[in-house]
Amino acid sequence: MNRDFNNFVEDALAKAREDALACHQKYIGTEHIILGILSVESCLAARVLGECGLTYEKFLDATLGKSMSLGDGSGSGFKGYSPKASHVLEMAVAEAERLDVDEVGTEHILLAILKER
């Protein structure tokens, strides 16, 4: 069965791309994906992370705060997802399959990130 991303994931991944570009980085990493999830406050994974005290602003400061001004700002040469981020998204699809749900949600991505070594 083919698994599609739900609207929350689509929004989170779009924000992850925006954040990577804003940081003048040439890839979307797992840190950008987590930021994207945290930006979609109504999704399950963001609510879980929020219950643990994690917010978009706190995570941004802790992971990317200093890198926001790095790079040349041109955005040229953008490469898409890092190998680790691609693997996490593949594992999220596997989590959705394991749980026998039709759509991949942010909760599946969070599970995949937590299982990643």
PDB file of N, CA and C in Angstrom:
ATOM      1  N   MET A   1       0.841  -1.185   0.000  1.00  0.00           N
ATOM      2  CA  MET A   1       0.000   0.000   0.000  1.00  0.00           C
ATOM      3  C   MET A   1       0.887   1.250   0.000  1.00  0.00           C
ATOM      4  N   ASN A   2       0.548   2.206  -0.834  1.00  0.00           N
ATOM      5  CA  ASN A   2       1.293   3.454  -0.924  1.00  0.00           C
ATOM      6  C   ASN A   2       0.845   4.395   0.192  1.00  0.00           C
ATOM      7  N   ARG A   3       1.791   5.000   0.863  1.00  0.00           N
ATOM      8  CA  ARG A   3       1.474   5.908   1.967  1.00  0.00           C
ATOM      9  C   ARG A   3       1.802   7.342   1.547  1.00  0.00           C
ATOM     10  N   ASP A   4       0.816   8.227   1.657  1.00  0.00           N
ATOM     11  CA  ASP A   4       1.010   9.640   1.370  1.00  0.00           C
ATOM     12  C   ASP A   4       1.241  10.387   2.673  1.00  0.00           C
ATOM     13  N   PHE A   5       1.878  11.546   2.576  1.00  0.00           N
ATOM     14  CA  PHE A   5       2.027  12.418   3.730  1.00  0.00           C
ATOM     15  C   PHE A   5       0.723  13.184   3.938  1.00  0.00           C
ATOM     16  N   ASN A   6       0.320  13.350   5.213  1.00  0.00           N
ATOM     17  CA  ASN A   6      -0.876  14.140   5.473  1.00  0.00           C
ATOM     18  C   ASN A   6      -0.553  15.637   5.384  1.00  0.00           C
ATOM     19  N   ASN A   7      -1.570  16.480   5.519  1.00  0.00           N
ATOM     20  CA  ASN A   7      -1.391  17.922   5.372  1.00  0.00           C
ATOM     21  C   ASN A   7      -0.427  18.501   6.400  1.00  0.00           C
ATOM     22  N   PHE A   8      -0.435  17.969   7.616  1.00  0.00           N
ATOM     23  CA  PHE A   8       0.482  18.461   8.649  1.00  0.00           C
ATOM     24  C   PHE A   8       1.935  18.228   8.225  1.00  0.00           C
ATOM     25  N   VAL A   9       2.201  17.049   7.666  1.00  0.00           N
ATOM     26  CA  VAL A   9       3.565  16.733   7.215  1.00  0.00           C
ATOM     27  C   VAL A   9       3.951  17.632   6.047  1.00  0.00           C
ATOM     28  N   GLU A  10       3.043  17.815   5.113  1.00  0.00           N
ATOM     29  CA  GLU A  10       3.329  18.693   3.973  1.00  0.00           C
ATOM     30  C   GLU A  10       3.686  20.097   4.457  1.00  0.00           C
ATOM     31  N   ASP A  11       2.927  20.622   5.414  1.00  0.00           N
ATOM     32  CA  ASP A  11       3.208  21.953   5.961  1.00  0.00           C
ATOM     33  C   ASP A  11       4.549  21.973   6.694  1.00  0.00           C
ATOM     34  N   ALA A  12       4.813  20.934   7.475  1.00  0.00           N
ATOM     35  CA  ALA A  12       6.067  20.859   8.237  1.00  0.00           C
ATOM     36  C   ALA A  12       7.271  20.786   7.303  1.00  0.00           C
ATOM     37  N   LEU A  13       7.168  19.997   6.239  1.00  0.00           N
ATOM     38  CA  LEU A  13       8.292  19.868   5.305  1.00  0.00           C
ATOM     39  C   LEU A  13       8.505  21.149   4.502  1.00  0.00           C
ATOM     40  N   ALA A  14       7.421  21.863   4.202  1.00  0.00           N
ATOM     41  CA  ALA A  14       7.558  23.155   3.519  1.00  0.00           C
ATOM     42  C   ALA A  14       8.276  24.150   4.426  1.00  0.00           C
ATOM     43  N   LYS A  15       7.924  24.159   5.707  1.00  0.00           N
ATOM     44  CA  LYS A  15       8.593  25.049   6.661  1.00  0.00           C
ATOM     45  C   LYS A  15      10.045  24.626   6.861  1.00  0.00           C
ATOM     46  N   ALA A  16      10.321  23.337   6.861  1.00  0.00           N
ATOM     47  CA  ALA A  16      11.695  22.844   6.990  1.00  0.00           C
ATOM     48  C   ALA A  16      12.542  23.380   5.840  1.00  0.00           C
ATOM     49  N   ARG A  17      12.000  23.358   4.656  1.00  0.00           N
ATOM     50  CA  ARG A  17      12.717  23.891   3.483  1.00  0.00           C
ATOM     51  C   ARG A  17      12.964  25.390   3.653  1.00  0.00           C
ATOM     52  N   GLU A  18      11.940  26.119   4.089  1.00  0.00           N
ATOM     53  CA  GLU A  18      12.088  27.565   4.311  1.00  0.00           C
ATOM     54  C   GLU A  18      13.198  27.854   5.320  1.00  0.00           C
ATOM     55  N   ASP A  19      13.218  27.096   6.415  1.00  0.00           N
ATOM     56  CA  ASP A  19      14.232  27.312   7.445  1.00  0.00           C
ATOM     57  C   ASP A  19      15.629  26.982   6.942  1.00  0.00           C
ATOM     58  N   ALA A  20      15.750  25.915   6.169  1.00  0.00           N
ATOM     59  CA  ALA A  20      17.063  25.566   5.613  1.00  0.00           C
ATOM     60  C   ALA A  20      17.555  26.681   4.693  1.00  0.00           C
ATOM     61  N   LEU A  21      16.676  27.183   3.853  1.00  0.00           N
ATOM     62  CA  LEU A  21      17.057  28.271   2.960  1.00  0.00           C
ATOM     63  C   LEU A  21      17.367  29.551   3.734  1.00  0.00           C
ATOM     64  N   ALA A  22      16.592  29.824   4.794  1.00  0.00           N
ATOM     65  CA  ALA A  22      16.836  31.012   5.618  1.00  0.00           C
ATOM     66  C   ALA A  22      18.200  30.947   6.297  1.00  0.00           C
ATOM     67  N   CYS A  23      18.658  29.728   6.572  1.00  0.00           N
ATOM     68  CA  CYS A  23      19.976  29.524   7.189  1.00  0.00           C
ATOM     69  C   CYS A  23      21.069  29.448   6.137  1.00  0.00           C
ATOM     70  N   HIS A  24      20.706  29.621   4.882  1.00  0.00           N
ATOM     71  CA  HIS A  24      21.650  29.565   3.767  1.00  0.00           C
ATOM     72  C   HIS A  24      22.332  28.203   3.694  1.00  0.00           C
ATOM     73  N   GLN A  25      21.581  27.165   4.058  1.00  0.00           N
ATOM     74  CA  GLN A  25      22.122  25.819   4.000  1.00  0.00           C
ATOM     75  C   GLN A  25      21.629  25.144   2.728  1.00  0.00           C
ATOM     76  N   LYS A  26      22.414  24.224   2.215  1.00  0.00           N
ATOM     77  CA  LYS A  26      22.128  23.593   0.938  1.00  0.00           C
ATOM     78  C   LYS A  26      21.351  22.285   1.081  1.00  0.00           C
ATOM     79  N   TYR A  27      20.926  21.976   2.280  1.00  0.00           N
ATOM     80  CA  TYR A  27      20.204  20.730   2.522  1.00  0.00           C
ATOM     81  C   TYR A  27      19.137  20.952   3.585  1.00  0.00           C
ATOM     82  N   ILE A  28      18.171  20.056   3.610  1.00  0.00           N
ATOM     83  CA  ILE A  28      17.180  19.997   4.683  1.00  0.00           C
ATOM     84  C   ILE A  28      17.611  18.835   5.566  1.00  0.00           C
ATOM     85  N   GLY A  29      17.981  19.130   6.785  1.00  0.00           N
ATOM     86  CA  GLY A  29      18.407  18.107   7.731  1.00  0.00           C
ATOM     87  C   GLY A  29      17.298  17.761   8.710  1.00  0.00           C
ATOM     88  N   THR A  30      17.575  16.791   9.556  1.00  0.00           N
ATOM     89  CA  THR A  30      16.569  16.404  10.561  1.00  0.00           C
ATOM     90  C   THR A  30      16.250  17.562  11.494  1.00  0.00           C
ATOM     91  N   GLU A  31      17.246  18.446  11.733  1.00  0.00           N
ATOM     92  CA  GLU A  31      16.981  19.603  12.586  1.00  0.00           C
ATOM     93  C   GLU A  31      15.947  20.529  11.954  1.00  0.00           C
ATOM     94  N   HIS A  32      15.984  20.663  10.635  1.00  0.00           N
ATOM     95  CA  HIS A  32      14.996  21.488   9.937  1.00  0.00           C
ATOM     96  C   HIS A  32      13.620  20.818   9.972  1.00  0.00           C
ATOM     97  N   ILE A  33      13.612  19.501   9.860  1.00  0.00           N
ATOM     98  CA  ILE A  33      12.337  18.767   9.913  1.00  0.00           C
ATOM     99  C   ILE A  33      11.692  18.933  11.285  1.00  0.00           C
ATOM    100  N   ILE A  34      12.486  18.842  12.342  1.00  0.00           N
ATOM    101  CA  ILE A  34      11.939  19.046  13.691  1.00  0.00           C
ATOM    102  C   ILE A  34      11.393  20.468  13.822  1.00  0.00           C
ATOM    103  N   LEU A  35      12.137  21.452  13.320  1.00  0.00           N
ATOM    104  CA  LEU A  35      11.634  22.832  13.342  1.00  0.00           C
ATOM    105  C   LEU A  35      10.318  22.935  12.581  1.00  0.00           C
ATOM    106  N   GLY A  36      10.251  22.279  11.432  1.00  0.00           N
ATOM    107  CA  GLY A  36       9.017  22.295  10.649  1.00  0.00           C
ATOM    108  C   GLY A  36       7.856  21.701  11.421  1.00  0.00           C
ATOM    109  N   ILE A  37       8.110  20.593  12.094  1.00  0.00           N
ATOM    110  CA  ILE A  37       7.060  19.963  12.918  1.00  0.00           C
ATOM    111  C   ILE A  37       6.619  20.912  14.024  1.00  0.00           C
ATOM    112  N   LEU A  38       7.582  21.529  14.699  1.00  0.00           N
ATOM    113  CA  LEU A  38       7.253  22.445  15.793  1.00  0.00           C
ATOM    114  C   LEU A  38       6.487  23.670  15.314  1.00  0.00           C
ATOM    115  N   SER A  39       6.649  24.034  14.043  1.00  0.00           N
ATOM    116  CA  SER A  39       5.941  25.197  13.507  1.00  0.00           C
ATOM    117  C   SER A  39       4.465  24.910  13.247  1.00  0.00           C
ATOM    118  N   VAL A  40       4.123  23.639  13.134  1.00  0.00           N
ATOM    119  CA  VAL A  40       2.728  23.239  12.902  1.00  0.00           C
ATOM    120  C   VAL A  40       2.157  22.836  14.270  1.00  0.00           C
ATOM    121  N   GLU A  41       1.841  23.835  15.065  1.00  0.00           N
ATOM    122  CA  GLU A  41       1.521  23.622  16.479  1.00  0.00           C
ATOM    123  C   GLU A  41       0.344  22.693  16.729  1.00  0.00           C
ATOM    124  N   SER A  42      -0.558  22.543  15.768  1.00  0.00           N
ATOM    125  CA  SER A  42      -1.730  21.709  15.988  1.00  0.00           C
ATOM    126  C   SER A  42      -1.498  20.235  15.658  1.00  0.00           C
ATOM    127  N   CYS A  43      -0.320  19.896  15.109  1.00  0.00           N
ATOM    128  CA  CYS A  43      -0.082  18.487  14.770  1.00  0.00           C
ATOM    129  C   CYS A  43       0.304  17.706  16.035  1.00  0.00           C
ATOM    130  N   LEU A  44       0.102  16.407  15.970  1.00  0.00           N
ATOM    131  CA  LEU A  44       0.325  15.544  17.133  1.00  0.00           C
ATOM    132  C   LEU A  44       1.763  15.615  17.640  1.00  0.00           C
ATOM    133  N   ALA A  45       2.737  15.533  16.755  1.00  0.00           N
ATOM    134  CA  ALA A  45       4.136  15.534  17.187  1.00  0.00           C
ATOM    135  C   ALA A  45       4.507  16.850  17.868  1.00  0.00           C
ATOM    136  N   ALA A  46       4.024  17.976  17.345  1.00  0.00           N
ATOM    137  CA  ALA A  46       4.312  19.274  17.964  1.00  0.00           C
ATOM    138  C   ALA A  46       3.670  19.367  19.345  1.00  0.00           C
ATOM    139  N   ARG A  47       2.483  18.816  19.487  1.00  0.00           N
ATOM    140  CA  ARG A  47       1.830  18.826  20.801  1.00  0.00           C
ATOM    141  C   ARG A  47       2.608  17.970  21.792  1.00  0.00           C
ATOM    142  N   VAL A  48       3.101  16.813  21.349  1.00  0.00           N
ATOM    143  CA  VAL A  48       3.901  15.937  22.221  1.00  0.00           C
ATOM    144  C   VAL A  48       5.188  16.649  22.639  1.00  0.00           C
ATOM    145  N   LEU A  49       5.884  17.233  21.660  1.00  0.00           N
ATOM    146  CA  LEU A  49       7.122  17.947  21.968  1.00  0.00           C
ATOM    147  C   LEU A  49       6.858  19.151  22.857  1.00  0.00           C
ATOM    148  N   GLY A  50       5.750  19.823  22.634  1.00  0.00           N
ATOM    149  CA  GLY A  50       5.360  20.961  23.473  1.00  0.00           C
ATOM    150  C   GLY A  50       5.098  20.546  24.914  1.00  0.00           C
ATOM    151  N   GLU A  51       4.491  19.377  25.092  1.00  0.00           N
ATOM    152  CA  GLU A  51       4.256  18.848  26.445  1.00  0.00           C
ATOM    153  C   GLU A  51       5.576  18.614  27.184  1.00  0.00           C
ATOM    154  N   CYS A  52       6.628  18.388  26.424  1.00  0.00           N
ATOM    155  CA  CYS A  52       7.960  18.186  27.008  1.00  0.00           C
ATOM    156  C   CYS A  52       8.710  19.510  27.161  1.00  0.00           C
ATOM    157  N   GLY A  53       8.053  20.610  26.827  1.00  0.00           N
ATOM    158  CA  GLY A  53       8.655  21.925  26.994  1.00  0.00           C
ATOM    159  C   GLY A  53       9.437  22.433  25.802  1.00  0.00           C
ATOM    160  N   LEU A  54       9.381  21.726  24.682  1.00  0.00           N
ATOM    161  CA  LEU A  54      10.134  22.143  23.504  1.00  0.00           C
ATOM    162  C   LEU A  54       9.264  23.021  22.611  1.00  0.00           C
ATOM    163  N   THR A  55       9.779  24.163  22.228  1.00  0.00           N
ATOM    164  CA  THR A  55       9.076  25.066  21.320  1.00  0.00           C
ATOM    165  C   THR A  55       9.937  25.315  20.105  1.00  0.00           C
ATOM    166  N   TYR A  56       9.331  25.877  19.087  1.00  0.00           N
ATOM    167  CA  TYR A  56      10.052  26.230  17.864  1.00  0.00           C
ATOM    168  C   TYR A  56      11.213  27.162  18.204  1.00  0.00           C
ATOM    169  N   GLU A  57      10.937  28.188  18.990  1.00  0.00           N
ATOM    170  CA  GLU A  57      11.947  29.182  19.319  1.00  0.00           C
ATOM    171  C   GLU A  57      13.117  28.572  20.097  1.00  0.00           C
ATOM    172  N   LYS A  58      12.816  27.723  21.077  1.00  0.00           N
ATOM    173  CA  LYS A  58      13.880  27.085  21.867  1.00  0.00           C
ATOM    174  C   LYS A  58      14.744  26.187  20.993  1.00  0.00           C
ATOM    175  N   PHE A  59      14.106  25.409  20.134  1.00  0.00           N
ATOM    176  CA  PHE A  59      14.868  24.492  19.286  1.00  0.00           C
ATOM    177  C   PHE A  59      15.679  25.255  18.240  1.00  0.00           C
ATOM    178  N   LEU A  60      15.091  26.299  17.693  1.00  0.00           N
ATOM    179  CA  LEU A  60      15.807  27.126  16.720  1.00  0.00           C
ATOM    180  C   LEU A  60      17.056  27.721  17.355  1.00  0.00           C
ATOM    181  N   ASP A  61      16.892  28.268  18.544  1.00  0.00           N
ATOM    182  CA  ASP A  61      18.029  28.852  19.265  1.00  0.00           C
ATOM    183  C   ASP A  61      19.109  27.815  19.553  1.00  0.00           C
ATOM    184  N   ALA A  62      18.691  26.634  19.986  1.00  0.00           N
ATOM    185  CA  ALA A  62      19.641  25.591  20.383  1.00  0.00           C
ATOM    186  C   ALA A  62      20.374  24.977  19.193  1.00  0.00           C
ATOM    187  N   THR A  63      19.721  24.905  18.040  1.00  0.00           N
ATOM    188  CA  THR A  63      20.332  24.188  16.916  1.00  0.00           C
ATOM    189  C   THR A  63      20.838  25.084  15.805  1.00  0.00           C
ATOM    190  N   LEU A  64      20.093  26.100  15.469  1.00  0.00           N
ATOM    191  CA  LEU A  64      20.436  26.877  14.281  1.00  0.00           C
ATOM    192  C   LEU A  64      20.649  28.359  14.558  1.00  0.00           C
ATOM    193  N   GLY A  65      20.477  28.775  15.777  1.00  0.00           N
ATOM    194  CA  GLY A  65      20.538  30.190  16.109  1.00  0.00           C
ATOM    195  C   GLY A  65      21.737  30.909  15.554  1.00  0.00           C
ATOM    196  N   LYS A  66      22.909  30.351  15.725  1.00  0.00           N
ATOM    197  CA  LYS A  66      24.129  31.007  15.264  1.00  0.00           C
ATOM    198  C   LYS A  66      24.356  30.829  13.769  1.00  0.00           C
ATOM    199  N   SER A  67      23.774  29.816  13.178  1.00  0.00           N
ATOM    200  CA  SER A  67      24.007  29.575  11.752  1.00  0.00           C
ATOM    201  C   SER A  67      23.061  30.372  10.865  1.00  0.00           C
ATOM    202  N   MET A  68      22.129  31.091  11.455  1.00  0.00           N
ATOM    203  CA  MET A  68      21.160  31.852  10.659  1.00  0.00           C
ATOM    204  C   MET A  68      21.845  32.877   9.763  1.00  0.00           C
ATOM    205  N   SER A  69      23.025  33.335  10.147  1.00  0.00           N
ATOM    206  CA  SER A  69      23.699  34.357   9.349  1.00  0.00           C
ATOM    207  C   SER A  69      24.826  33.785   8.492  1.00  0.00           C
ATOM    208  N   LEU A  70      24.954  32.472   8.442  1.00  0.00           N
ATOM    209  CA  LEU A  70      26.024  31.870   7.651  1.00  0.00           C
ATOM    210  C   LEU A  70      25.633  31.783   6.183  1.00  0.00           C
ATOM    211  N   GLY A  71      26.609  31.632   5.334  1.00  0.00           N
ATOM    212  CA  GLY A  71      26.363  31.417   3.916  1.00  0.00           C
ATOM    213  C   GLY A  71      26.286  32.711   3.138  1.00  0.00           C
ATOM    214  N   ASP A  72      26.128  32.562   1.842  1.00  0.00           N
ATOM    215  CA  ASP A  72      26.133  33.734   0.978  1.00  0.00           C
ATOM    216  C   ASP A  72      24.739  34.266   0.681  1.00  0.00           C
ATOM    217  N   GLY A  73      23.713  33.524   1.099  1.00  0.00           N
ATOM    218  CA  GLY A  73      22.347  33.995   0.918  1.00  0.00           C
ATOM    219  C   GLY A  73      21.787  33.824  -0.478  1.00  0.00           C
ATOM    220  N   SER A  74      22.548  33.245  -1.368  1.00  0.00           N
ATOM    221  CA  SER A  74      22.083  33.123  -2.750  1.00  0.00           C
ATOM    222  C   SER A  74      21.053  32.016  -2.932  1.00  0.00           C
ATOM    223  N   GLY A  75      21.117  30.982  -2.101  1.00  0.00           N
ATOM    224  CA  GLY A  75      20.192  29.865  -2.243  1.00  0.00           C
ATOM    225  C   GLY A  75      20.512  28.980  -3.426  1.00  0.00           C
ATOM    226  N   SER A  76      21.584  29.293  -4.152  1.00  0.00           N
ATOM    227  CA  SER A  76      21.930  28.478  -5.310  1.00  0.00           C
ATOM    228  C   SER A  76      22.572  27.174  -4.860  1.00  0.00           C
ATOM    229  N   GLY A  77      22.388  26.151  -5.626  1.00  0.00           N
ATOM    230  CA  GLY A  77      22.981  24.865  -5.305  1.00  0.00           C
ATOM    231  C   GLY A  77      22.235  24.095  -4.241  1.00  0.00           C
ATOM    232  N   PHE A  78      20.959  24.435  -3.999  1.00  0.00           N
ATOM    233  CA  PHE A  78      20.187  23.723  -2.977  1.00  0.00           C
ATOM    234  C   PHE A  78      20.045  22.269  -3.389  1.00  0.00           C
ATOM    235  N   LYS A  79      20.321  21.348  -2.450  1.00  0.00           N
ATOM    236  CA  LYS A  79      20.384  19.928  -2.779  1.00  0.00           C
ATOM    237  C   LYS A  79      19.189  19.119  -2.277  1.00  0.00           C
ATOM    238  N   GLY A  80      18.306  19.670  -1.492  1.00  0.00           N
ATOM    239  CA  GLY A  80      17.166  18.913  -0.983  1.00  0.00           C
ATOM    240  C   GLY A  80      17.466  18.304   0.372  1.00  0.00           C
ATOM    241  N   TYR A  81      16.985  17.091   0.597  1.00  0.00           N
ATOM    242  CA  TYR A  81      17.140  16.431   1.896  1.00  0.00           C
ATOM    243  C   TYR A  81      18.530  15.827   2.049  1.00  0.00           C
ATOM    244  N   SER A  82      19.059  15.914   3.267  1.00  0.00           N
ATOM    245  CA  SER A  82      20.316  15.238   3.585  1.00  0.00           C
ATOM    246  C   SER A  82      20.058  13.731   3.568  1.00  0.00           C
ATOM    247  N   PRO A  83      21.096  12.915   3.460  1.00  0.00           N
ATOM    248  CA  PRO A  83      20.894  11.463   3.494  1.00  0.00           C
ATOM    249  C   PRO A  83      20.177  10.998   4.769  1.00  0.00           C
ATOM    250  N   LYS A  84      20.526  11.581   5.903  1.00  0.00           N
ATOM    251  CA  LYS A  84      19.882  11.181   7.160  1.00  0.00           C
ATOM    252  C   LYS A  84      18.407  11.593   7.174  1.00  0.00           C
ATOM    253  N   ALA A  85      18.107  12.790   6.693  1.00  0.00           N
ATOM    254  CA  ALA A  85      16.715  13.237   6.641  1.00  0.00           C
ATOM    255  C   ALA A  85      15.905  12.358   5.687  1.00  0.00           C
ATOM    256  N   SER A  86      16.490  11.997   4.555  1.00  0.00           N
ATOM    257  CA  SER A  86      15.806  11.093   3.616  1.00  0.00           C
ATOM    258  C   SER A  86      15.517   9.753   4.275  1.00  0.00           C
ATOM    259  N   HIS A  87      16.494   9.253   5.018  1.00  0.00           N
ATOM    260  CA  HIS A  87      16.312   7.975   5.712  1.00  0.00           C
ATOM    261  C   HIS A  87      15.195   8.090   6.752  1.00  0.00           C
ATOM    262  N   VAL A  88      15.157   9.188   7.485  1.00  0.00           N
ATOM    263  CA  VAL A  88      14.100   9.387   8.488  1.00  0.00           C
ATOM    264  C   VAL A  88      12.729   9.388   7.822  1.00  0.00           C
ATOM    265  N   LEU A  89      12.601  10.048   6.683  1.00  0.00           N
ATOM    266  CA  LEU A  89      11.310  10.071   5.995  1.00  0.00           C
ATOM    267  C   LEU A  89      10.928   8.676   5.496  1.00  0.00           C
ATOM    268  N   GLU A  90      11.901   7.906   5.034  1.00  0.00           N
ATOM    269  CA  GLU A  90      11.627   6.516   4.635  1.00  0.00           C
ATOM    270  C   GLU A  90      11.178   5.694   5.840  1.00  0.00           C
ATOM    271  N   MET A  91      11.825   5.909   6.972  1.00  0.00           N
ATOM    272  CA  MET A  91      11.455   5.171   8.187  1.00  0.00           C
ATOM    273  C   MET A  91      10.078   5.600   8.693  1.00  0.00           C
ATOM    274  N   ALA A  92       9.712   6.852   8.480  1.00  0.00           N
ATOM    275  CA  ALA A  92       8.378   7.316   8.862  1.00  0.00           C
ATOM    276  C   ALA A  92       7.312   6.592   8.050  1.00  0.00           C
ATOM    277  N   VAL A  93       7.587   6.388   6.768  1.00  0.00           N
ATOM    278  CA  VAL A  93       6.664   5.617   5.928  1.00  0.00           C
ATOM    279  C   VAL A  93       6.557   4.194   6.471  1.00  0.00           C
ATOM    280  N   ALA A  94       7.684   3.612   6.858  1.00  0.00           N
ATOM    281  CA  ALA A  94       7.680   2.257   7.425  1.00  0.00           C
ATOM    282  C   ALA A  94       6.880   2.205   8.726  1.00  0.00           C
ATOM    283  N   GLU A  95       6.989   3.255   9.542  1.00  0.00           N
ATOM    284  CA  GLU A  95       6.211   3.317  10.792  1.00  0.00           C
ATOM    285  C   GLU A  95       4.719   3.349  10.490  1.00  0.00           C
ATOM    286  N   ALA A  96       4.321   4.135   9.503  1.00  0.00           N
ATOM    287  CA  ALA A  96       2.907   4.197   9.129  1.00  0.00           C
ATOM    288  C   ALA A  96       2.429   2.842   8.617  1.00  0.00           C
ATOM    289  N   GLU A  97       3.274   2.178   7.832  1.00  0.00           N
ATOM    290  CA  GLU A  97       2.922   0.834   7.346  1.00  0.00           C
ATOM    291  C   GLU A  97       2.789  -0.140   8.510  1.00  0.00           C
ATOM    292  N   ARG A  98       3.737  -0.068   9.444  1.00  0.00           N
ATOM    293  CA  ARG A  98       3.709  -0.966  10.604  1.00  0.00           C
ATOM    294  C   ARG A  98       2.432  -0.779  11.408  1.00  0.00           C
ATOM    295  N   LEU A  99       1.981   0.463  11.493  1.00  0.00           N
ATOM    296  CA  LEU A  99       0.773   0.768  12.254  1.00  0.00           C
ATOM    297  C   LEU A  99      -0.496   0.669  11.404  1.00  0.00           C
ATOM    298  N   ASP A 100      -0.317   0.315  10.118  1.00  0.00           N
ATOM    299  CA  ASP A 100      -1.415   0.105   9.175  1.00  0.00           C
ATOM    300  C   ASP A 100      -2.336   1.326   9.055  1.00  0.00           C
ATOM    301  N   VAL A 101      -1.707   2.486   8.843  1.00  0.00           N
ATOM    302  CA  VAL A 101      -2.479   3.697   8.580  1.00  0.00           C
ATOM    303  C   VAL A 101      -2.196   4.154   7.149  1.00  0.00           C
ATOM    304  N   ASP A 102      -3.157   4.839   6.565  1.00  0.00           N
ATOM    305  CA  ASP A 102      -3.056   5.228   5.158  1.00  0.00           C
ATOM    306  C   ASP A 102      -2.120   6.397   4.914  1.00  0.00           C
ATOM    307  N   GLU A 103      -2.038   7.326   5.865  1.00  0.00           N
ATOM    308  CA  GLU A 103      -1.221   8.513   5.668  1.00  0.00           C
ATOM    309  C   GLU A 103      -0.111   8.603   6.706  1.00  0.00           C
ATOM    310  N   VAL A 104       1.023   9.118   6.280  1.00  0.00           N
ATOM    311  CA  VAL A 104       2.143   9.349   7.188  1.00  0.00           C
ATOM    312  C   VAL A 104       1.899  10.684   7.878  1.00  0.00           C
ATOM    313  N   GLY A 105       1.935  10.660   9.212  1.00  0.00           N
ATOM    314  CA  GLY A 105       1.739  11.874   9.992  1.00  0.00           C
ATOM    315  C   GLY A 105       3.031  12.308  10.667  1.00  0.00           C
ATOM    316  N   THR A 106       2.977  13.468  11.277  1.00  0.00           N
ATOM    317  CA  THR A 106       4.157  13.979  11.983  1.00  0.00           C
ATOM    318  C   THR A 106       4.573  13.051  13.108  1.00  0.00           C
ATOM    319  N   GLU A 107       3.623  12.340  13.666  1.00  0.00           N
ATOM    320  CA  GLU A 107       3.938  11.392  14.742  1.00  0.00           C
ATOM    321  C   GLU A 107       4.835  10.261  14.231  1.00  0.00           C
ATOM    322  N   HIS A 108       4.643   9.864  12.978  1.00  0.00           N
ATOM    323  CA  HIS A 108       5.486   8.814  12.394  1.00  0.00           C
ATOM    324  C   HIS A 108       6.899   9.336  12.148  1.00  0.00           C
ATOM    325  N   ILE A 109       6.996  10.590  11.745  1.00  0.00           N
ATOM    326  CA  ILE A 109       8.324  11.192  11.564  1.00  0.00           C
ATOM    327  C   ILE A 109       9.032  11.303  12.906  1.00  0.00           C
ATOM    328  N   LEU A 110       8.308  11.730  13.935  1.00  0.00           N
ATOM    329  CA  LEU A 110       8.911  11.836  15.266  1.00  0.00           C
ATOM    330  C   LEU A 110       9.389  10.468  15.748  1.00  0.00           C
ATOM    331  N   LEU A 111       8.586   9.435  15.561  1.00  0.00           N
ATOM    332  CA  LEU A 111       9.007   8.075  15.927  1.00  0.00           C
ATOM    333  C   LEU A 111      10.273   7.676  15.175  1.00  0.00           C
ATOM    334  N   ALA A 112      10.331   7.984  13.894  1.00  0.00           N
ATOM    335  CA  ALA A 112      11.506   7.633  13.095  1.00  0.00           C
ATOM    336  C   ALA A 112      12.742   8.388  13.568  1.00  0.00           C
ATOM    337  N   ILE A 113      12.591   9.650  13.914  1.00  0.00           N
ATOM    338  CA  ILE A 113      13.716  10.431  14.434  1.00  0.00           C
ATOM    339  C   ILE A 113      14.202   9.853  15.755  1.00  0.00           C
ATOM    340  N   LEU A 114      13.262   9.505  16.617  1.00  0.00           N
ATOM    341  CA  LEU A 114      13.644   8.955  17.921  1.00  0.00           C
ATOM    342  C   LEU A 114      14.339   7.603  17.798  1.00  0.00           C
ATOM    343  N   LYS A 115      13.989   6.850  16.782  1.00  0.00           N
ATOM    344  CA  LYS A 115      14.618   5.545  16.565  1.00  0.00           C
ATOM    345  C   LYS A 115      15.946   5.649  15.834  1.00  0.00           C
ATOM    346  N   GLU A 116      16.191   6.782  15.195  1.00  0.00           N
ATOM    347  CA  GLU A 116      17.435   6.972  14.430  1.00  0.00           C
ATOM    348  C   GLU A 116      18.625   7.023  15.377  1.00  0.00           C
ATOM    349  N   ARG A 117      19.698   6.375  14.986  1.00  0.00           N
ATOM    350  CA  ARG A 117      20.905   6.358  15.829  1.00  0.00           C
ATOM    351  C   ARG A 117      21.804   7.508  15.494  1.00  0.00           C
TER     352      ARG A 117
END
